[in-house]
């Protein structure tokens, strides 16, 4: 059974930035690009390192792991560059009443 959890107000996150949230046992990197929001596991699949501390590549819709430079597609979670070879989990994002929420499995 899935659970929808509010993370922050829409205006709390500037475009081109990421922020970490710890909710219900999940470590989530929430990323905003213009008016779109993406949520992925905040843990590089190559090594346990926070993706939310990495650079957001808005034009490519990717986030870069600050540790070894692996890039991840924010839409699919798929790695776009080495050394990561495994995807990170993605979460459905819902915008409701000025709030950004994620659907947890």
PDB file of N, CA and C in Angstrom:
ATOM      1  N   UNK A   1       0.841  -1.185   0.000  1.00  0.00           N
ATOM      2  CA  UNK A   1       0.000   0.000   0.000  1.00  0.00           C
ATOM      3  C   UNK A   1       0.882   1.243   0.000  1.00  0.00           C
ATOM      4  N   UNK A   2       0.638   2.139  -0.933  1.00  0.00           N
ATOM      5  CA  UNK A   2       1.474   3.336  -1.039  1.00  0.00           C
ATOM      6  C   UNK A   2       0.998   4.425  -0.084  1.00  0.00           C
ATOM      7  N   UNK A   3       1.895   5.353   0.168  1.00  0.00           N
ATOM      8  CA  UNK A   3       1.635   6.448   1.094  1.00  0.00           C
ATOM      9  C   UNK A   3       2.118   7.743   0.446  1.00  0.00           C
ATOM     10  N   UNK A   4       1.300   8.790   0.478  1.00  0.00           N
ATOM     11  CA  UNK A   4       1.695  10.091  -0.040  1.00  0.00           C
ATOM     12  C   UNK A   4       2.160  10.950   1.126  1.00  0.00           C
ATOM     13  N   UNK A   5       3.382  11.496   0.998  1.00  0.00           N
ATOM     14  CA  UNK A   5       3.982  12.269   2.076  1.00  0.00           C
ATOM     15  C   UNK A   5       4.373  13.650   1.555  1.00  0.00           C
ATOM     16  N   UNK A   6       3.920  14.701   2.240  1.00  0.00           N
ATOM     17  CA  UNK A   6       4.284  16.071   1.876  1.00  0.00           C
ATOM     18  C   UNK A   6       5.728  16.331   2.288  1.00  0.00           C
ATOM     19  N   UNK A   7       6.494  16.976   1.374  1.00  0.00           N
ATOM     20  CA  UNK A   7       7.893  17.271   1.665  1.00  0.00           C
ATOM     21  C   UNK A   7       8.126  18.739   1.988  1.00  0.00           C
ATOM     22  N   UNK A   8       7.563  19.642   1.153  1.00  0.00           N
ATOM     23  CA  UNK A   8       7.793  21.063   1.357  1.00  0.00           C
ATOM     24  C   UNK A   8       6.806  21.855   0.512  1.00  0.00           C
ATOM     25  N   UNK A   9       6.827  23.165   0.706  1.00  0.00           N
ATOM     26  CA  UNK A   9       6.030  24.044  -0.146  1.00  0.00           C
ATOM     27  C   UNK A   9       6.730  24.170  -1.502  1.00  0.00           C
ATOM     28  N   UNK A  10       5.961  24.359  -2.555  1.00  0.00           N
ATOM     29  CA  UNK A  10       6.516  24.486  -3.902  1.00  0.00           C
ATOM     30  C   UNK A  10       7.602  25.561  -3.939  1.00  0.00           C
ATOM     31  N   UNK A  11       7.367  26.687  -3.281  1.00  0.00           N
ATOM     32  CA  UNK A  11       8.300  27.807  -3.332  1.00  0.00           C
ATOM     33  C   UNK A  11       9.530  27.627  -2.441  1.00  0.00           C
ATOM     34  N   UNK A  12       9.592  26.534  -1.669  1.00  0.00           N
ATOM     35  CA  UNK A  12      10.749  26.293  -0.803  1.00  0.00           C
ATOM     36  C   UNK A  12      11.982  25.820  -1.567  1.00  0.00           C
ATOM     37  N   UNK A  13      11.801  25.392  -2.813  1.00  0.00           N
ATOM     38  CA  UNK A  13      12.916  24.866  -3.593  1.00  0.00           C
ATOM     39  C   UNK A  13      13.063  25.678  -4.880  1.00  0.00           C
ATOM     40  N   UNK A  14      14.230  26.266  -5.071  1.00  0.00           N
ATOM     41  CA  UNK A  14      14.487  27.073  -6.270  1.00  0.00           C
ATOM     42  C   UNK A  14      14.788  26.166  -7.453  1.00  0.00           C
ATOM     43  N   UNK A  15      14.483  26.633  -8.638  1.00  0.00           N
ATOM     44  CA  UNK A  15      14.769  25.870  -9.852  1.00  0.00           C
ATOM     45  C   UNK A  15      16.265  25.626  -9.982  1.00  0.00           C
ATOM     46  N   UNK A  16      16.617  24.407 -10.376  1.00  0.00           N
ATOM     47  CA  UNK A  16      18.020  24.053 -10.553  1.00  0.00           C
ATOM     48  C   UNK A  16      18.710  23.592  -9.290  1.00  0.00           C
ATOM     49  N   UNK A  17      17.912  23.334  -8.238  1.00  0.00           N
ATOM     50  CA  UNK A  17      18.498  22.902  -6.973  1.00  0.00           C
ATOM     51  C   UNK A  17      17.888  21.577  -6.510  1.00  0.00           C
ATOM     52  N   UNK A  18      18.600  20.953  -5.567  1.00  0.00           N
ATOM     53  CA  UNK A  18      18.141  19.696  -4.967  1.00  0.00           C
ATOM     54  C   UNK A  18      18.183  19.834  -3.448  1.00  0.00           C
ATOM     55  N   UNK A  19      17.340  19.057  -2.791  1.00  0.00           N
ATOM     56  CA  UNK A  19      17.290  19.080  -1.326  1.00  0.00           C
ATOM     57  C   UNK A  19      16.972  17.687  -0.823  1.00  0.00           C
ATOM     58  N   UNK A  20      17.596  17.300   0.269  1.00  0.00           N
ATOM     59  CA  UNK A  20      17.398  15.973   0.851  1.00  0.00           C
ATOM     60  C   UNK A  20      16.261  15.989   1.862  1.00  0.00           C
ATOM     61  N   UNK A  21      15.458  14.919   1.822  1.00  0.00           N
ATOM     62  CA  UNK A  21      14.387  14.704   2.786  1.00  0.00           C
ATOM     63  C   UNK A  21      14.480  13.272   3.287  1.00  0.00           C
ATOM     64  N   UNK A  22      14.325  13.092   4.585  1.00  0.00           N
ATOM     65  CA  UNK A  22      14.274  11.761   5.190  1.00  0.00           C
ATOM     66  C   UNK A  22      12.849  11.541   5.677  1.00  0.00           C
ATOM     67  N   UNK A  23      12.130  10.640   4.995  1.00  0.00           N
ATOM     68  CA  UNK A  23      10.731  10.393   5.340  1.00  0.00           C
ATOM     69  C   UNK A  23      10.416   8.902   5.312  1.00  0.00           C
ATOM     70  N   UNK A  24       9.785   8.436   6.359  1.00  0.00           N
ATOM     71  CA  UNK A  24       9.300   7.053   6.436  1.00  0.00           C
ATOM     72  C   UNK A  24      10.355   6.031   6.020  1.00  0.00           C
ATOM     73  N   UNK A  25      11.587   6.227   6.467  1.00  0.00           N
ATOM     74  CA  UNK A  25      12.655   5.288   6.160  1.00  0.00           C
ATOM     75  C   UNK A  25      13.258   5.431   4.773  1.00  0.00           C
ATOM     76  N   UNK A  26      12.862   6.460   4.028  1.00  0.00           N
ATOM     77  CA  UNK A  26      13.400   6.717   2.689  1.00  0.00           C
ATOM     78  C   UNK A  26      14.230   7.997   2.725  1.00  0.00           C
ATOM     79  N   UNK A  27      15.352   7.966   2.021  1.00  0.00           N
ATOM     80  CA  UNK A  27      16.215   9.142   1.861  1.00  0.00           C
ATOM     81  C   UNK A  27      16.007   9.623   0.433  1.00  0.00           C
ATOM     82  N   UNK A  28      15.359  10.774   0.286  1.00  0.00           N
ATOM     83  CA  UNK A  28      14.916  11.250  -1.025  1.00  0.00           C
ATOM     84  C   UNK A  28      15.603  12.552  -1.401  1.00  0.00           C
ATOM     85  N   UNK A  29      16.050  12.619  -2.664  1.00  0.00           N
ATOM     86  CA  UNK A  29      16.563  13.867  -3.232  1.00  0.00           C
ATOM     87  C   UNK A  29      15.446  14.450  -4.078  1.00  0.00           C
ATOM     88  N   UNK A  30      14.956  15.607  -3.678  1.00  0.00           N
ATOM     89  CA  UNK A  30      13.921  16.299  -4.439  1.00  0.00           C
ATOM     90  C   UNK A  30      14.608  17.374  -5.270  1.00  0.00           C
ATOM     91  N   UNK A  31      14.333  17.373  -6.569  1.00  0.00           N
ATOM     92  CA  UNK A  31      14.981  18.292  -7.500  1.00  0.00           C
ATOM     93  C   UNK A  31      13.909  19.100  -8.227  1.00  0.00           C
ATOM     94  N   UNK A  32      14.172  20.393  -8.371  1.00  0.00           N
ATOM     95  CA  UNK A  32      13.269  21.245  -9.142  1.00  0.00           C
ATOM     96  C   UNK A  32      13.992  21.770 -10.371  1.00  0.00           C
ATOM     97  N   UNK A  33      13.341  21.620 -11.523  1.00  0.00           N
ATOM     98  CA  UNK A  33      13.817  22.215 -12.774  1.00  0.00           C
ATOM     99  C   UNK A  33      12.637  22.977 -13.356  1.00  0.00           C
ATOM    100  N   UNK A  34      12.739  24.293 -13.339  1.00  0.00           N
ATOM    101  CA  UNK A  34      11.626  25.173 -13.724  1.00  0.00           C
ATOM    102  C   UNK A  34      10.413  24.838 -12.865  1.00  0.00           C
ATOM    103  N   UNK A  35       9.304  24.430 -13.474  1.00  0.00           N
ATOM    104  CA  UNK A  35       8.113  24.104 -12.692  1.00  0.00           C
ATOM    105  C   UNK A  35       7.926  22.608 -12.489  1.00  0.00           C
ATOM    106  N   UNK A  36       8.925  21.825 -12.868  1.00  0.00           N
ATOM    107  CA  UNK A  36       8.842  20.367 -12.716  1.00  0.00           C
ATOM    108  C   UNK A  36       9.658  19.918 -11.503  1.00  0.00           C
ATOM    109  N   UNK A  37       9.139  18.911 -10.813  1.00  0.00           N
ATOM    110  CA  UNK A  37       9.816  18.345  -9.647  1.00  0.00           C
ATOM    111  C   UNK A  37      10.078  16.868  -9.894  1.00  0.00           C
ATOM    112  N   UNK A  38      11.239  16.410  -9.418  1.00  0.00           N
ATOM    113  CA  UNK A  38      11.643  15.014  -9.562  1.00  0.00           C
ATOM    114  C   UNK A  38      12.127  14.522  -8.208  1.00  0.00           C
ATOM    115  N   UNK A  39      11.838  13.260  -7.906  1.00  0.00           N
ATOM    116  CA  UNK A  39      12.286  12.675  -6.646  1.00  0.00           C
ATOM    117  C   UNK A  39      12.956  11.340  -6.934  1.00  0.00           C
ATOM    118  N   UNK A  40      14.185  11.201  -6.450  1.00  0.00           N
ATOM    119  CA  UNK A  40      14.959   9.969  -6.610  1.00  0.00           C
ATOM    120  C   UNK A  40      15.583   9.620  -5.260  1.00  0.00           C
ATOM    121  N   UNK A  41      16.036   8.359  -5.140  1.00  0.00           N
ATOM    122  CA  UNK A  41      16.785   7.984  -3.940  1.00  0.00           C
ATOM    123  C   UNK A  41      17.978   8.912  -3.796  1.00  0.00           C
ATOM    124  N   UNK A  42      18.201   9.395  -2.583  1.00  0.00           N
ATOM    125  CA  UNK A  42      19.327  10.293  -2.345  1.00  0.00           C
ATOM    126  C   UNK A  42      20.563   9.478  -1.958  1.00  0.00           C
ATOM    127  N   UNK A  43      20.855   8.480  -2.778  1.00  0.00           N
ATOM    128  CA  UNK A  43      22.024   7.637  -2.535  1.00  0.00           C
ATOM    129  C   UNK A  43      22.516   7.117  -3.875  1.00  0.00           C
ATOM    130  N   UNK A  44      23.716   7.504  -4.245  1.00  0.00           N
ATOM    131  CA  UNK A  44      24.302   7.025  -5.493  1.00  0.00           C
ATOM    132  C   UNK A  44      24.354   5.503  -5.472  1.00  0.00           C
ATOM    133  N   UNK A  45      24.005   4.878  -6.592  1.00  0.00           N
ATOM    134  CA  UNK A  45      24.007   3.420  -6.655  1.00  0.00           C
ATOM    135  C   UNK A  45      25.426   2.847  -6.729  1.00  0.00           C
ATOM    136  N   UNK A  46      26.402   3.694  -7.002  1.00  0.00           N
ATOM    137  CA  UNK A  46      27.801   3.254  -7.056  1.00  0.00           C
ATOM    138  C   UNK A  46      28.424   3.201  -5.664  1.00  0.00           C
ATOM    139  N   UNK A  47      28.148   4.224  -4.880  1.00  0.00           N
ATOM    140  CA  UNK A  47      28.700   4.307  -3.533  1.00  0.00           C
ATOM    141  C   UNK A  47      27.740   5.151  -2.710  1.00  0.00           C
ATOM    142  N   UNK A  48      27.612   4.829  -1.440  1.00  0.00           N
ATOM    143  CA  UNK A  48      26.665   5.536  -0.570  1.00  0.00           C
ATOM    144  C   UNK A  48      27.080   7.000  -0.423  1.00  0.00           C
ATOM    145  N   UNK A  49      26.580   7.834  -1.330  1.00  0.00           N
ATOM    146  CA  UNK A  49      26.880   9.254  -1.282  1.00  0.00           C
ATOM    147  C   UNK A  49      25.635  10.039  -1.679  1.00  0.00           C
ATOM    148  N   UNK A  50      25.414  11.181  -1.062  1.00  0.00           N
ATOM    149  CA  UNK A  50      24.195  11.958  -1.250  1.00  0.00           C
ATOM    150  C   UNK A  50      24.139  12.643  -2.615  1.00  0.00           C
ATOM    151  N   UNK A  51      23.145  12.284  -3.418  1.00  0.00           N
ATOM    152  CA  UNK A  51      22.966  12.925  -4.720  1.00  0.00           C
ATOM    153  C   UNK A  51      22.491  14.372  -4.574  1.00  0.00           C
ATOM    154  N   UNK A  52      21.760  14.663  -3.506  1.00  0.00           N
ATOM    155  CA  UNK A  52      21.231  16.025  -3.335  1.00  0.00           C
ATOM    156  C   UNK A  52      22.345  17.054  -3.151  1.00  0.00           C
ATOM    157  N   UNK A  53      23.565  16.601  -2.856  1.00  0.00           N
ATOM    158  CA  UNK A  53      24.693  17.511  -2.718  1.00  0.00           C
ATOM    159  C   UNK A  53      25.380  17.757  -4.063  1.00  0.00           C
ATOM    160  N   UNK A  54      24.925  17.052  -5.104  1.00  0.00           N
ATOM    161  CA  UNK A  54      25.529  17.174  -6.425  1.00  0.00           C
ATOM    162  C   UNK A  54      24.911  18.276  -7.254  1.00  0.00           C
ATOM    163  N   UNK A  55      25.493  18.473  -8.419  1.00  0.00           N
ATOM    164  CA  UNK A  55      25.031  19.519  -9.329  1.00  0.00           C
ATOM    165  C   UNK A  55      23.843  19.029 -10.153  1.00  0.00           C
ATOM    166  N   UNK A  56      22.865  19.902 -10.323  1.00  0.00           N
ATOM    167  CA  UNK A  56      21.699  19.614 -11.160  1.00  0.00           C
ATOM    168  C   UNK A  56      21.991  20.140 -12.561  1.00  0.00           C
ATOM    169  N   UNK A  57      21.833  19.281 -13.558  1.00  0.00           N
ATOM    170  CA  UNK A  57      22.013  19.643 -14.961  1.00  0.00           C
ATOM    171  C   UNK A  57      20.624  19.774 -15.571  1.00  0.00           C
ATOM    172  N   UNK A  58      20.085  20.987 -15.531  1.00  0.00           N
ATOM    173  CA  UNK A  58      18.690  21.228 -15.913  1.00  0.00           C
ATOM    174  C   UNK A  58      18.399  20.852 -17.364  1.00  0.00           C
ATOM    175  N   UNK A  59      19.249  21.256 -18.294  1.00  0.00           N
ATOM    176  CA  UNK A  59      18.993  20.995 -19.716  1.00  0.00           C
ATOM    177  C   UNK A  59      18.937  19.501 -20.014  1.00  0.00           C
ATOM    178  N   UNK A  60      19.733  18.710 -19.285  1.00  0.00           N
ATOM    179  CA  UNK A  60      19.777  17.264 -19.493  1.00  0.00           C
ATOM    180  C   UNK A  60      18.790  16.513 -18.598  1.00  0.00           C
ATOM    181  N   UNK A  61      18.208  17.205 -17.615  1.00  0.00           N
ATOM    182  CA  UNK A  61      17.318  16.610 -16.614  1.00  0.00           C
ATOM    183  C   UNK A  61      18.058  15.499 -15.859  1.00  0.00           C
ATOM    184  N   UNK A  62      19.266  15.851 -15.392  1.00  0.00           N
ATOM    185  CA  UNK A  62      20.116  14.901 -14.689  1.00  0.00           C
ATOM    186  C   UNK A  62      20.683  15.518 -13.418  1.00  0.00           C
ATOM    187  N   UNK A  63      21.134  14.640 -12.526  1.00  0.00           N
ATOM    188  CA  UNK A  63      21.842  15.073 -11.324  1.00  0.00           C
ATOM    189  C   UNK A  63      23.159  14.320 -11.277  1.00  0.00           C
ATOM    190  N   UNK A  64      24.208  15.027 -10.831  1.00  0.00           N
ATOM    191  CA  UNK A  64      25.551  14.462 -10.794  1.00  0.00           C
ATOM    192  C   UNK A  64      25.948  14.120  -9.364  1.00  0.00           C
ATOM    193  N   UNK A  65      26.436  12.915  -9.160  1.00  0.00           N
ATOM    194  CA  UNK A  65      26.947  12.535  -7.858  1.00  0.00           C
ATOM    195  C   UNK A  65      28.240  13.315  -7.605  1.00  0.00           C
ATOM    196  N   UNK A  66      28.329  14.013  -6.478  1.00  0.00           N
ATOM    197  CA  UNK A  66      29.517  14.826  -6.227  1.00  0.00           C
ATOM    198  C   UNK A  66      30.759  14.000  -5.884  1.00  0.00           C
ATOM    199  N   UNK A  67      30.595  12.730  -5.614  1.00  0.00           N
ATOM    200  CA  UNK A  67      31.733  11.891  -5.203  1.00  0.00           C
ATOM    201  C   UNK A  67      32.591  11.436  -6.391  1.00  0.00           C
ATOM    202  N   UNK A  68      31.958  10.798  -7.379  1.00  0.00           N
ATOM    203  CA  UNK A  68      32.711  10.255  -8.511  1.00  0.00           C
ATOM    204  C   UNK A  68      32.188  10.724  -9.866  1.00  0.00           C
ATOM    205  N   UNK A  69      31.183  11.594  -9.877  1.00  0.00           N
ATOM    206  CA  UNK A  69      30.731  12.190 -11.127  1.00  0.00           C
ATOM    207  C   UNK A  69      29.699  11.422 -11.925  1.00  0.00           C
ATOM    208  N   UNK A  70      29.168  10.332 -11.381  1.00  0.00           N
ATOM    209  CA  UNK A  70      28.113   9.618 -12.106  1.00  0.00           C
ATOM    210  C   UNK A  70      26.903  10.524 -12.277  1.00  0.00           C
ATOM    211  N   UNK A  71      26.297  10.443 -13.466  1.00  0.00           N
ATOM    212  CA  UNK A  71      25.108  11.236 -13.765  1.00  0.00           C
ATOM    213  C   UNK A  71      23.896  10.311 -13.780  1.00  0.00           C
ATOM    214  N   UNK A  72      22.768  10.795 -13.268  1.00  0.00           N
ATOM    215  CA  UNK A  72      21.538  10.014 -13.243  1.00  0.00           C
ATOM    216  C   UNK A  72      20.409  10.808 -13.885  1.00  0.00           C
ATOM    217  N   UNK A  73      19.625  10.132 -14.728  1.00  0.00           N
ATOM    218  CA  UNK A  73      18.438  10.737 -15.340  1.00  0.00           C
ATOM    219  C   UNK A  73      17.379  10.870 -14.254  1.00  0.00           C
ATOM    220  N   UNK A  74      16.878  12.073 -14.048  1.00  0.00           N
ATOM    221  CA  UNK A  74      15.887  12.309 -12.992  1.00  0.00           C
ATOM    222  C   UNK A  74      14.526  11.716 -13.315  1.00  0.00           C
ATOM    223  N   UNK A  75      14.259  11.441 -14.592  1.00  0.00           N
ATOM    224  CA  UNK A  75      12.959  10.878 -14.975  1.00  0.00           C
ATOM    225  C   UNK A  75      12.914   9.370 -14.773  1.00  0.00           C
ATOM    226  N   UNK A  76      14.030   8.695 -15.027  1.00  0.00           N
ATOM    227  CA  UNK A  76      14.041   7.231 -14.986  1.00  0.00           C
ATOM    228  C   UNK A  76      14.905   6.651 -13.870  1.00  0.00           C
ATOM    229  N   UNK A  77      15.840   7.450 -13.353  1.00  0.00           N
ATOM    230  CA  UNK A  77      16.782   6.954 -12.360  1.00  0.00           C
ATOM    231  C   UNK A  77      17.965   6.223 -12.964  1.00  0.00           C
ATOM    232  N   UNK A  78      17.976   6.080 -14.290  1.00  0.00           N
ATOM    233  CA  UNK A  78      19.039   5.341 -14.963  1.00  0.00           C
ATOM    234  C   UNK A  78      20.361   6.119 -14.922  1.00  0.00           C
ATOM    235  N   UNK A  79      21.474   5.403 -14.737  1.00  0.00           N
ATOM    236  CA  UNK A  79      22.768   6.073 -14.785  1.00  0.00           C
ATOM    237  C   UNK A  79      23.089   6.476 -16.218  1.00  0.00           C
ATOM    238  N   UNK A  80      23.649   7.647 -16.390  1.00  0.00           N
ATOM    239  CA  UNK A  80      24.009   8.166 -17.715  1.00  0.00           C
ATOM    240  C   UNK A  80      25.518   8.145 -17.924  1.00  0.00           C
ATOM    241  N   UNK A  81      26.275   7.848 -16.875  1.00  0.00           N
ATOM    242  CA  UNK A  81      27.727   7.795 -16.975  1.00  0.00           C
ATOM    243  C   UNK A  81      28.288   6.895 -15.882  1.00  0.00           C
ATOM    244  N   UNK A  82      29.489   6.412 -16.125  1.00  0.00           N
ATOM    245  CA  UNK A  82      30.192   5.577 -15.147  1.00  0.00           C
ATOM    246  C   UNK A  82      30.754   6.461 -14.047  1.00  0.00           C
ATOM    247  N   UNK A  83      31.066   5.930 -12.870  1.00  0.00           N
ATOM    248  CA  UNK A  83      31.181   4.519 -12.569  1.00  0.00           C
ATOM    249  C   UNK A  83      29.866   3.821 -12.188  1.00  0.00           C
ATOM    250  N   UNK A  84      28.778   4.549 -11.988  1.00  0.00           N
ATOM    251  CA  UNK A  84      27.514   3.901 -11.629  1.00  0.00           C
ATOM    252  C   UNK A  84      26.979   3.087 -12.804  1.00  0.00           C
ATOM    253  N   UNK A  85      26.478   1.889 -12.506  1.00  0.00           N
ATOM    254  CA  UNK A  85      25.882   1.031 -13.528  1.00  0.00           C
ATOM    255  C   UNK A  85      24.456   0.635 -13.183  1.00  0.00           C
ATOM    256  N   UNK A  86      24.041   0.888 -11.952  1.00  0.00           N
ATOM    257  CA  UNK A  86      22.692   0.533 -11.506  1.00  0.00           C
ATOM    258  C   UNK A  86      21.856   1.796 -11.334  1.00  0.00           C
ATOM    259  N   UNK A  87      20.546   1.710 -11.628  1.00  0.00           N
ATOM    260  CA  UNK A  87      19.683   2.887 -11.457  1.00  0.00           C
ATOM    261  C   UNK A  87      19.399   3.178  -9.985  1.00  0.00           C
ATOM    262  N   UNK A  88      18.919   4.377  -9.731  1.00  0.00           N
ATOM    263  CA  UNK A  88      18.394   4.735  -8.421  1.00  0.00           C
ATOM    264  C   UNK A  88      16.868   4.745  -8.539  1.00  0.00           C
ATOM    265  N   UNK A  89      16.202   4.524  -7.437  1.00  0.00           N
ATOM    266  CA  UNK A  89      14.738   4.507  -7.441  1.00  0.00           C
ATOM    267  C   UNK A  89      14.192   5.904  -7.708  1.00  0.00           C
ATOM    268  N   UNK A  90      13.080   5.961  -8.423  1.00  0.00           N
ATOM    269  CA  UNK A  90      12.380   7.224  -8.645  1.00  0.00           C
ATOM    270  C   UNK A  90      11.024   7.145  -7.948  1.00  0.00           C
ATOM    271  N   UNK A  91      10.536   8.288  -7.537  1.00  0.00           N
ATOM    272  CA  UNK A  91       9.259   8.372  -6.835  1.00  0.00           C
ATOM    273  C   UNK A  91       8.319   9.299  -7.592  1.00  0.00           C
ATOM    274  N   UNK A  92       7.058   8.946  -7.578  1.00  0.00           N
ATOM    275  CA  UNK A  92       6.034   9.812  -8.173  1.00  0.00           C
ATOM    276  C   UNK A  92       5.913  11.073  -7.329  1.00  0.00           C
ATOM    277  N   UNK A  93       5.886  12.232  -7.995  1.00  0.00           N
ATOM    278  CA  UNK A  93       5.744  13.520  -7.318  1.00  0.00           C
ATOM    279  C   UNK A  93       4.360  14.071  -7.610  1.00  0.00           C
ATOM    280  N   UNK A  94       3.727  14.591  -6.585  1.00  0.00           N
ATOM    281  CA  UNK A  94       2.420  15.227  -6.732  1.00  0.00           C
ATOM    282  C   UNK A  94       2.477  16.645  -6.171  1.00  0.00           C
ATOM    283  N   UNK A  95       1.904  17.578  -6.917  1.00  0.00           N
ATOM    284  CA  UNK A  95       1.796  18.956  -6.458  1.00  0.00           C
ATOM    285  C   UNK A  95       0.350  19.178  -6.050  1.00  0.00           C
ATOM    286  N   UNK A  96       0.158  19.467  -4.753  1.00  0.00           N
ATOM    287  CA  UNK A  96      -1.201  19.611  -4.217  1.00  0.00           C
ATOM    288  C   UNK A  96      -1.261  20.822  -3.295  1.00  0.00           C
ATOM    289  N   UNK A  97      -2.124  21.763  -3.620  1.00  0.00           N
ATOM    290  CA  UNK A  97      -2.358  22.936  -2.763  1.00  0.00           C
ATOM    291  C   UNK A  97      -1.068  23.644  -2.376  1.00  0.00           C
ATOM    292  N   UNK A  98      -0.161  23.846  -3.343  1.00  0.00           N
ATOM    293  CA  UNK A  98       1.068  24.557  -3.079  1.00  0.00           C
ATOM    294  C   UNK A  98       2.138  23.740  -2.378  1.00  0.00           C
ATOM    295  N   UNK A  99       1.912  22.446  -2.257  1.00  0.00           N
ATOM    296  CA  UNK A  99       2.833  21.560  -1.560  1.00  0.00           C
ATOM    297  C   UNK A  99       3.375  20.500  -2.514  1.00  0.00           C
ATOM    298  N   UNK A 100       4.650  20.133  -2.320  1.00  0.00           N
ATOM    299  CA  UNK A 100       5.249  19.042  -3.094  1.00  0.00           C
ATOM    300  C   UNK A 100       5.180  17.787  -2.234  1.00  0.00           C
ATOM    301  N   UNK A 101       4.611  16.730  -2.777  1.00  0.00           N
ATOM    302  CA  UNK A 101       4.494  15.456  -2.067  1.00  0.00           C
ATOM    303  C   UNK A 101       5.043  14.341  -2.925  1.00  0.00           C
ATOM    304  N   UNK A 102       5.472  13.257  -2.285  1.00  0.00           N
ATOM    305  CA  UNK A 102       5.933  12.074  -3.006  1.00  0.00           C
ATOM    306  C   UNK A 102       5.077  10.895  -2.589  1.00  0.00           C
ATOM    307  N   UNK A 103       4.967   9.939  -3.524  1.00  0.00           N
ATOM    308  CA  UNK A 103       4.252   8.701  -3.240  1.00  0.00           C
ATOM    309  C   UNK A 103       5.295   7.651  -2.904  1.00  0.00           C
ATOM    310  N   UNK A 104       5.224   7.130  -1.697  1.00  0.00           N
ATOM    311  CA  UNK A 104       6.165   6.103  -1.249  1.00  0.00           C
ATOM    312  C   UNK A 104       5.557   4.729  -1.459  1.00  0.00           C
ATOM    313  N   UNK A 105       6.388   3.740  -1.822  1.00  0.00           N
ATOM    314  CA  UNK A 105       5.854   2.379  -2.031  1.00  0.00           C
ATOM    315  C   UNK A 105       5.390   1.744  -0.731  1.00  0.00           C
TER     316      UNK A 105
END
